[in-house]
Amino acid sequence: MESPLALIEYCFPVAQVVANPEREKNSDVNDIRFDAEVGVAESADGGLYQVTVEITSIDPIEIDKEKNPYDIHVVALGHFKVHPDWPDPGKLVRVNGASILYSAAREFIITITSRGPWGAITIPTKSFQTIVPNEPEKSCHEEKLID
């Protein structure tokens, strides 16, 4: 059986990593918290989906910790196709599509930060199983984005 979800393409339309010059050299680089938000849109004719995963470092001042080594904001955007016979395409795209893009963004962040002054950041793994399956928004704009 062919996979019910096919990744057509993905990119990083936003990739911002700013090293913090005030960070202490010997502090733990991976002691950093992140927020991840997922968005899904379906093309007007159905079957094609656009998924975005936005990853942002959380300011440690909000959680009473020392300054992050990097301020990070990355958006991964992917286009996916779902097999027409799949019973719940919205959930499949939200969970698996988001997981695929998050993993790609995770590797992207490791690569970018490995060349920074504080070394590589490995963001924690994340499960998207708990995402409440909402109906994707339909829009003619997404149809144009997903040729």
N, C-alpha and C. Protein backbone atom coordinates (compact mmCIF):
# COMPACT_ATOMS: atom_id res chain seq x y z
N MET A 1 0.84 -1.19 0.00
CA MET A 1 0.00 0.00 0.00
C MET A 1 0.88 1.24 0.00
N GLU A 2 0.55 2.19 -0.84
CA GLU A 2 1.30 3.44 -0.85
C GLU A 2 0.96 4.26 0.39
N SER A 3 1.88 5.13 0.76
CA SER A 3 1.67 5.97 1.94
C SER A 3 0.45 6.87 1.74
N PRO A 4 -0.39 7.02 2.76
CA PRO A 4 -1.56 7.89 2.61
C PRO A 4 -1.20 9.37 2.58
N LEU A 5 0.01 9.72 3.01
CA LEU A 5 0.44 11.12 3.05
C LEU A 5 1.73 11.27 2.27
N ALA A 6 1.73 12.17 1.31
CA ALA A 6 2.93 12.42 0.51
C ALA A 6 3.37 13.87 0.68
N LEU A 7 4.62 14.05 1.02
CA LEU A 7 5.20 15.40 1.09
C LEU A 7 5.60 15.81 -0.32
N ILE A 8 5.02 16.89 -0.81
CA ILE A 8 5.32 17.38 -2.15
C ILE A 8 6.57 18.24 -2.12
N GLU A 9 6.61 19.19 -1.19
CA GLU A 9 7.77 20.07 -1.03
C GLU A 9 7.68 20.77 0.31
N TYR A 10 8.83 21.29 0.76
CA TYR A 10 8.82 22.12 1.97
C TYR A 10 9.93 23.15 1.88
N CYS A 11 9.77 24.22 2.67
CA CYS A 11 10.77 25.28 2.71
C CYS A 11 10.69 25.97 4.07
N PHE A 12 11.61 26.91 4.29
CA PHE A 12 11.64 27.69 5.52
C PHE A 12 11.51 29.17 5.15
N PRO A 13 10.27 29.69 5.03
CA PRO A 13 10.10 31.09 4.64
C PRO A 13 10.58 32.08 5.70
N VAL A 14 10.67 31.63 6.95
CA VAL A 14 11.21 32.46 8.02
C VAL A 14 12.27 31.64 8.74
N ALA A 15 13.47 32.19 8.82
CA ALA A 15 14.56 31.52 9.55
C ALA A 15 15.39 32.61 10.21
N GLN A 16 15.16 32.79 11.50
CA GLN A 16 15.87 33.83 12.24
C GLN A 16 16.52 33.21 13.46
N VAL A 17 17.84 33.34 13.53
CA VAL A 17 18.61 32.89 14.69
C VAL A 17 19.56 34.02 15.05
N VAL A 18 19.38 34.57 16.25
CA VAL A 18 20.21 35.68 16.70
C VAL A 18 20.95 35.24 17.96
N ALA A 19 22.28 35.25 17.90
CA ALA A 19 23.09 34.88 19.06
C ALA A 19 23.03 35.99 20.10
N ASN A 20 22.93 35.62 21.36
CA ASN A 20 22.88 36.58 22.45
C ASN A 20 24.31 36.85 22.93
N PRO A 21 24.83 38.06 22.75
CA PRO A 21 26.20 38.36 23.14
C PRO A 21 26.41 38.38 24.66
N GLU A 22 25.33 38.45 25.44
CA GLU A 22 25.44 38.50 26.90
C GLU A 22 25.44 37.12 27.55
N ARG A 23 25.30 36.09 26.77
CA ARG A 23 25.24 34.72 27.31
C ARG A 23 26.60 34.32 27.90
N GLU A 24 26.57 33.64 29.04
CA GLU A 24 27.80 33.15 29.64
C GLU A 24 28.30 31.94 28.87
N LYS A 25 29.60 31.90 28.61
CA LYS A 25 30.17 30.86 27.76
C LYS A 25 29.96 29.45 28.29
N ASN A 26 30.04 29.24 29.58
CA ASN A 26 29.98 27.88 30.13
C ASN A 26 28.57 27.42 30.51
N SER A 27 27.55 28.21 30.20
CA SER A 27 26.19 27.80 30.56
C SER A 27 25.67 26.75 29.57
N ASP A 28 24.64 26.01 30.01
CA ASP A 28 24.08 24.93 29.20
C ASP A 28 23.34 25.50 27.99
N VAL A 29 23.85 25.18 26.81
CA VAL A 29 23.28 25.71 25.57
C VAL A 29 21.88 25.16 25.32
N ASN A 30 21.64 23.92 25.69
CA ASN A 30 20.35 23.30 25.39
C ASN A 30 19.29 23.55 26.46
N ASP A 31 19.60 24.41 27.42
CA ASP A 31 18.61 24.77 28.44
C ASP A 31 17.78 25.93 27.90
N ILE A 32 16.94 25.61 26.94
CA ILE A 32 16.15 26.62 26.24
C ILE A 32 14.77 26.02 25.97
N ARG A 33 13.72 26.83 26.10
CA ARG A 33 12.36 26.34 25.88
C ARG A 33 11.80 26.92 24.60
N PHE A 34 10.91 26.14 23.98
CA PHE A 34 10.33 26.52 22.70
C PHE A 34 8.82 26.37 22.71
N ASP A 35 8.19 27.15 21.83
CA ASP A 35 6.77 27.03 21.57
C ASP A 35 6.63 26.62 20.11
N ALA A 36 5.71 25.73 19.80
CA ALA A 36 5.47 25.32 18.41
C ALA A 36 3.99 25.43 18.11
N GLU A 37 3.67 26.13 17.02
CA GLU A 37 2.28 26.28 16.59
C GLU A 37 2.11 25.68 15.20
N VAL A 38 0.98 25.04 14.98
CA VAL A 38 0.70 24.36 13.72
C VAL A 38 -0.50 25.01 13.05
N GLY A 39 -0.40 25.20 11.74
CA GLY A 39 -1.52 25.68 10.93
C GLY A 39 -1.71 24.77 9.73
N VAL A 40 -2.97 24.52 9.36
CA VAL A 40 -3.28 23.66 8.22
C VAL A 40 -4.33 24.35 7.36
N ALA A 41 -4.12 24.32 6.05
CA ALA A 41 -5.11 24.83 5.10
C ALA A 41 -5.27 23.82 3.98
N GLU A 42 -6.50 23.66 3.50
CA GLU A 42 -6.78 22.72 2.41
C GLU A 42 -7.09 23.51 1.15
N SER A 43 -6.63 22.99 0.01
CA SER A 43 -6.95 23.64 -1.26
C SER A 43 -8.45 23.54 -1.53
N ALA A 44 -8.95 24.44 -2.33
CA ALA A 44 -10.39 24.49 -2.60
C ALA A 44 -10.90 23.20 -3.24
N ASP A 45 -10.07 22.54 -4.05
CA ASP A 45 -10.52 21.30 -4.69
C ASP A 45 -10.25 20.05 -3.84
N GLY A 46 -9.65 20.22 -2.67
CA GLY A 46 -9.44 19.11 -1.73
C GLY A 46 -8.26 18.22 -2.09
N GLY A 47 -7.80 17.49 -1.10
CA GLY A 47 -6.72 16.53 -1.32
C GLY A 47 -5.33 17.09 -1.17
N LEU A 48 -5.18 18.40 -1.33
CA LEU A 48 -3.88 19.05 -1.16
C LEU A 48 -3.93 19.96 0.06
N TYR A 49 -2.88 19.91 0.85
CA TYR A 49 -2.85 20.65 2.11
C TYR A 49 -1.55 21.43 2.24
N GLN A 50 -1.67 22.57 2.88
CA GLN A 50 -0.50 23.36 3.25
C GLN A 50 -0.41 23.34 4.77
N VAL A 51 0.75 22.95 5.29
CA VAL A 51 0.96 22.88 6.73
C VAL A 51 2.09 23.83 7.09
N THR A 52 1.91 24.57 8.17
CA THR A 52 2.99 25.41 8.70
C THR A 52 3.25 25.00 10.14
N VAL A 53 4.52 24.99 10.49
CA VAL A 53 4.95 24.78 11.87
C VAL A 53 5.84 25.96 12.22
N GLU A 54 5.41 26.72 13.21
CA GLU A 54 6.17 27.91 13.64
C GLU A 54 6.80 27.60 15.00
N ILE A 55 8.13 27.69 15.05
CA ILE A 55 8.89 27.38 16.26
C ILE A 55 9.54 28.66 16.75
N THR A 56 9.30 29.00 18.01
CA THR A 56 9.83 30.23 18.59
C THR A 56 10.42 29.93 19.96
N SER A 57 11.62 30.45 20.22
CA SER A 57 12.20 30.30 21.55
C SER A 57 11.42 31.17 22.52
N ILE A 58 11.26 30.67 23.74
CA ILE A 58 10.52 31.39 24.78
C ILE A 58 11.52 32.21 25.58
N ASP A 59 11.20 33.48 25.77
CA ASP A 59 12.07 34.37 26.52
C ASP A 59 12.18 33.87 27.95
N PRO A 60 13.40 33.54 28.41
CA PRO A 60 13.55 32.98 29.75
C PRO A 60 13.21 33.96 30.87
N ILE A 61 13.19 35.24 30.57
CA ILE A 61 12.81 36.22 31.59
C ILE A 61 11.38 35.94 32.05
N GLU A 62 10.56 35.43 31.12
CA GLU A 62 9.18 35.07 31.47
C GLU A 62 9.13 33.87 32.42
N ILE A 63 10.18 33.05 32.42
CA ILE A 63 10.20 31.86 33.28
C ILE A 63 11.33 31.96 34.31
N ASP A 64 11.81 33.19 34.57
CA ASP A 64 12.80 33.47 35.60
C ASP A 64 14.09 32.66 35.43
N LYS A 65 14.65 32.70 34.24
CA LYS A 65 15.91 32.02 33.97
C LYS A 65 16.84 32.99 33.25
N GLU A 66 18.08 32.57 33.13
CA GLU A 66 19.06 33.40 32.45
C GLU A 66 18.74 33.47 30.95
N LYS A 67 19.30 34.46 30.29
CA LYS A 67 19.01 34.73 28.87
C LYS A 67 19.36 33.54 27.98
N ASN A 68 18.54 33.30 26.96
CA ASN A 68 18.79 32.23 25.99
C ASN A 68 20.09 32.47 25.23
N PRO A 69 20.76 31.41 24.80
CA PRO A 69 21.95 31.59 23.97
C PRO A 69 21.59 32.15 22.59
N TYR A 70 20.42 31.80 22.10
CA TYR A 70 19.94 32.27 20.79
C TYR A 70 18.46 32.63 20.91
N ASP A 71 18.07 33.66 20.18
CA ASP A 71 16.65 33.91 19.96
C ASP A 71 16.33 33.27 18.62
N ILE A 72 15.38 32.36 18.61
CA ILE A 72 15.10 31.56 17.41
C ILE A 72 13.64 31.71 17.01
N HIS A 73 13.44 31.92 15.71
CA HIS A 73 12.09 31.94 15.13
C HIS A 73 12.20 31.31 13.75
N VAL A 74 11.62 30.14 13.59
CA VAL A 74 11.68 29.41 12.32
C VAL A 74 10.26 28.99 11.95
N VAL A 75 9.93 29.18 10.68
CA VAL A 75 8.65 28.70 10.16
C VAL A 75 8.95 27.70 9.04
N ALA A 76 8.43 26.49 9.21
CA ALA A 76 8.53 25.47 8.16
C ALA A 76 7.18 25.40 7.47
N LEU A 77 7.20 25.38 6.15
CA LEU A 77 5.96 25.34 5.37
C LEU A 77 6.06 24.16 4.41
N GLY A 78 5.07 23.30 4.42
CA GLY A 78 5.08 22.14 3.53
C GLY A 78 3.77 21.95 2.82
N HIS A 79 3.87 21.35 1.64
CA HIS A 79 2.69 21.00 0.86
C HIS A 79 2.58 19.48 0.83
N PHE A 80 1.40 18.99 1.15
CA PHE A 80 1.16 17.55 1.26
C PHE A 80 -0.03 17.14 0.42
N LYS A 81 0.01 15.89 -0.03
CA LYS A 81 -1.12 15.30 -0.74
C LYS A 81 -1.58 14.09 0.07
N VAL A 82 -2.89 13.96 0.22
CA VAL A 82 -3.47 12.84 0.97
C VAL A 82 -4.20 11.92 0.00
N HIS A 83 -4.02 10.61 0.20
CA HIS A 83 -4.70 9.61 -0.62
C HIS A 83 -6.21 9.84 -0.52
N PRO A 84 -6.92 9.84 -1.64
CA PRO A 84 -8.36 10.18 -1.63
C PRO A 84 -9.22 9.24 -0.79
N ASP A 85 -8.78 8.01 -0.55
CA ASP A 85 -9.58 7.06 0.22
C ASP A 85 -9.29 7.11 1.72
N TRP A 86 -8.40 8.01 2.15
CA TRP A 86 -8.05 8.05 3.57
C TRP A 86 -9.24 8.60 4.37
N PRO A 87 -9.65 7.91 5.46
CA PRO A 87 -10.88 8.28 6.17
C PRO A 87 -10.84 9.63 6.91
N ASP A 88 -9.69 10.03 7.45
CA ASP A 88 -9.63 11.28 8.21
C ASP A 88 -8.39 12.08 7.78
N PRO A 89 -8.45 12.69 6.60
CA PRO A 89 -7.26 13.38 6.08
C PRO A 89 -6.81 14.56 6.94
N GLY A 90 -7.76 15.27 7.55
CA GLY A 90 -7.39 16.42 8.39
C GLY A 90 -6.50 16.03 9.55
N LYS A 91 -6.86 14.96 10.23
CA LYS A 91 -6.05 14.49 11.37
C LYS A 91 -4.69 13.97 10.89
N LEU A 92 -4.68 13.24 9.78
CA LEU A 92 -3.43 12.72 9.23
C LEU A 92 -2.46 13.86 8.93
N VAL A 93 -2.96 14.90 8.30
CA VAL A 93 -2.11 16.04 7.94
C VAL A 93 -1.65 16.79 9.18
N ARG A 94 -2.56 17.03 10.11
CA ARG A 94 -2.20 17.77 11.33
C ARG A 94 -1.14 17.04 12.14
N VAL A 95 -1.28 15.74 12.31
CA VAL A 95 -0.35 14.99 13.15
C VAL A 95 0.93 14.65 12.38
N ASN A 96 0.80 13.96 11.26
CA ASN A 96 1.98 13.49 10.53
C ASN A 96 2.67 14.61 9.76
N GLY A 97 1.90 15.47 9.12
CA GLY A 97 2.50 16.60 8.40
C GLY A 97 3.28 17.50 9.33
N ALA A 98 2.67 17.82 10.48
CA ALA A 98 3.35 18.66 11.47
C ALA A 98 4.60 17.97 12.00
N SER A 99 4.54 16.67 12.22
CA SER A 99 5.70 15.92 12.72
C SER A 99 6.85 15.94 11.72
N ILE A 100 6.53 15.78 10.45
CA ILE A 100 7.55 15.80 9.40
C ILE A 100 8.23 17.16 9.35
N LEU A 101 7.43 18.23 9.36
CA LEU A 101 7.99 19.58 9.27
C LEU A 101 8.76 19.95 10.53
N TYR A 102 8.27 19.54 11.69
CA TYR A 102 8.97 19.84 12.95
C TYR A 102 10.35 19.17 12.94
N SER A 103 10.41 17.93 12.49
CA SER A 103 11.69 17.22 12.41
C SER A 103 12.66 17.91 11.46
N ALA A 104 12.15 18.37 10.33
CA ALA A 104 12.99 19.09 9.37
C ALA A 104 13.50 20.39 9.98
N ALA A 105 12.62 21.11 10.68
CA ALA A 105 13.01 22.37 11.32
C ALA A 105 14.01 22.13 12.43
N ARG A 106 13.85 21.03 13.14
CA ARG A 106 14.77 20.67 14.22
C ARG A 106 16.19 20.50 13.67
N GLU A 107 16.31 19.77 12.58
CA GLU A 107 17.63 19.58 11.94
C GLU A 107 18.17 20.90 11.40
N PHE A 108 17.28 21.71 10.85
CA PHE A 108 17.67 23.02 10.32
C PHE A 108 18.26 23.89 11.44
N ILE A 109 17.62 23.89 12.60
CA ILE A 109 18.09 24.68 13.75
C ILE A 109 19.44 24.16 14.25
N ILE A 110 19.60 22.84 14.29
CA ILE A 110 20.89 22.26 14.68
C ILE A 110 21.99 22.75 13.73
N THR A 111 21.71 22.72 12.44
CA THR A 111 22.71 23.12 11.44
C THR A 111 23.07 24.60 11.57
N ILE A 112 22.08 25.46 11.68
CA ILE A 112 22.34 26.90 11.77
C ILE A 112 23.11 27.23 13.04
N THR A 113 22.65 26.72 14.18
CA THR A 113 23.29 27.08 15.45
C THR A 113 24.66 26.44 15.62
N SER A 114 24.94 25.36 14.91
CA SER A 114 26.25 24.72 15.03
C SER A 114 27.37 25.64 14.55
N ARG A 115 27.04 26.63 13.75
CA ARG A 115 28.03 27.60 13.28
C ARG A 115 28.01 28.89 14.10
N GLY A 116 27.19 28.94 15.13
CA GLY A 116 27.08 30.12 15.99
C GLY A 116 28.08 30.09 17.13
N PRO A 117 28.20 31.19 17.88
CA PRO A 117 29.20 31.28 18.95
C PRO A 117 28.93 30.37 20.14
N TRP A 118 27.69 29.93 20.33
CA TRP A 118 27.36 29.11 21.50
C TRP A 118 27.18 27.64 21.16
N GLY A 119 27.40 27.28 19.92
CA GLY A 119 27.29 25.87 19.52
C GLY A 119 25.87 25.48 19.17
N ALA A 120 25.73 24.22 18.80
CA ALA A 120 24.46 23.70 18.29
C ALA A 120 23.40 23.59 19.38
N ILE A 121 22.19 23.95 19.00
CA ILE A 121 21.00 23.78 19.84
C ILE A 121 20.20 22.61 19.28
N THR A 122 19.86 21.67 20.12
CA THR A 122 18.97 20.58 19.73
C THR A 122 17.65 20.80 20.46
N ILE A 123 16.64 21.22 19.70
CA ILE A 123 15.35 21.45 20.35
C ILE A 123 14.72 20.09 20.69
N PRO A 124 13.91 20.05 21.73
CA PRO A 124 13.34 18.76 22.15
C PRO A 124 12.39 18.18 21.11
N THR A 125 12.23 16.88 21.16
CA THR A 125 11.24 16.25 20.29
C THR A 125 9.85 16.65 20.77
N LYS A 126 8.87 16.47 19.89
CA LYS A 126 7.51 16.89 20.22
C LYS A 126 6.52 15.94 19.56
N SER A 127 5.48 15.62 20.28
CA SER A 127 4.40 14.80 19.72
C SER A 127 3.24 15.71 19.34
N PHE A 128 2.70 15.48 18.17
CA PHE A 128 1.54 16.24 17.71
C PHE A 128 0.27 15.40 17.78
N GLN A 129 0.32 14.27 18.47
CA GLN A 129 -0.84 13.38 18.63
C GLN A 129 -1.99 14.07 19.36
N THR A 130 -1.66 15.01 20.23
CA THR A 130 -2.70 15.63 21.05
C THR A 130 -3.37 16.83 20.38
N ILE A 131 -2.97 17.14 19.17
CA ILE A 131 -3.60 18.26 18.46
C ILE A 131 -5.06 17.91 18.21
N VAL A 132 -5.94 18.81 18.60
CA VAL A 132 -7.37 18.59 18.36
C VAL A 132 -7.61 18.72 16.86
N PRO A 133 -8.16 17.68 16.24
CA PRO A 133 -8.35 17.74 14.79
C PRO A 133 -9.46 18.71 14.40
N ASN A 134 -9.06 19.87 13.92
CA ASN A 134 -10.03 20.86 13.41
C ASN A 134 -10.16 20.66 11.91
N GLU A 135 -11.24 21.13 11.37
CA GLU A 135 -11.39 21.11 9.93
C GLU A 135 -10.47 22.16 9.33
N PRO A 136 -9.67 21.79 8.33
CA PRO A 136 -8.80 22.79 7.71
C PRO A 136 -9.61 23.90 7.06
N GLU A 137 -9.02 25.09 7.06
CA GLU A 137 -9.66 26.22 6.41
C GLU A 137 -9.53 26.07 4.90
N LYS A 138 -10.61 26.35 4.18
CA LYS A 138 -10.55 26.30 2.72
C LYS A 138 -10.41 27.71 2.20
N SER A 139 -9.52 27.88 1.25
CA SER A 139 -9.28 29.21 0.71
C SER A 139 -8.74 29.11 -0.70
N CYS A 140 -9.14 30.03 -1.54
CA CYS A 140 -8.62 30.05 -2.90
C CYS A 140 -7.14 30.41 -2.90
N HIS A 141 -6.68 31.13 -1.87
CA HIS A 141 -5.26 31.49 -1.78
C HIS A 141 -4.40 30.24 -1.63
N GLU A 142 -4.84 29.30 -0.81
CA GLU A 142 -4.08 28.08 -0.62
C GLU A 142 -4.05 27.27 -1.92
N GLU A 143 -5.14 27.32 -2.68
CA GLU A 143 -5.16 26.58 -3.94
C GLU A 143 -4.06 27.10 -4.86
N LYS A 144 -3.84 28.40 -4.88
CA LYS A 144 -2.78 28.95 -5.71
C LYS A 144 -1.40 28.58 -5.17
N LEU A 145 -1.28 28.49 -3.84
CA LEU A 145 0.00 28.13 -3.24
C LEU A 145 0.36 26.67 -3.48
N ILE A 146 -0.64 25.83 -3.68
CA ILE A 146 -0.43 24.40 -3.84
C ILE A 146 -0.79 24.01 -5.26
N ASP A 147 0.06 24.30 -6.19
CA ASP A 147 -0.22 23.98 -7.60
C ASP A 147 -0.30 22.49 -7.84
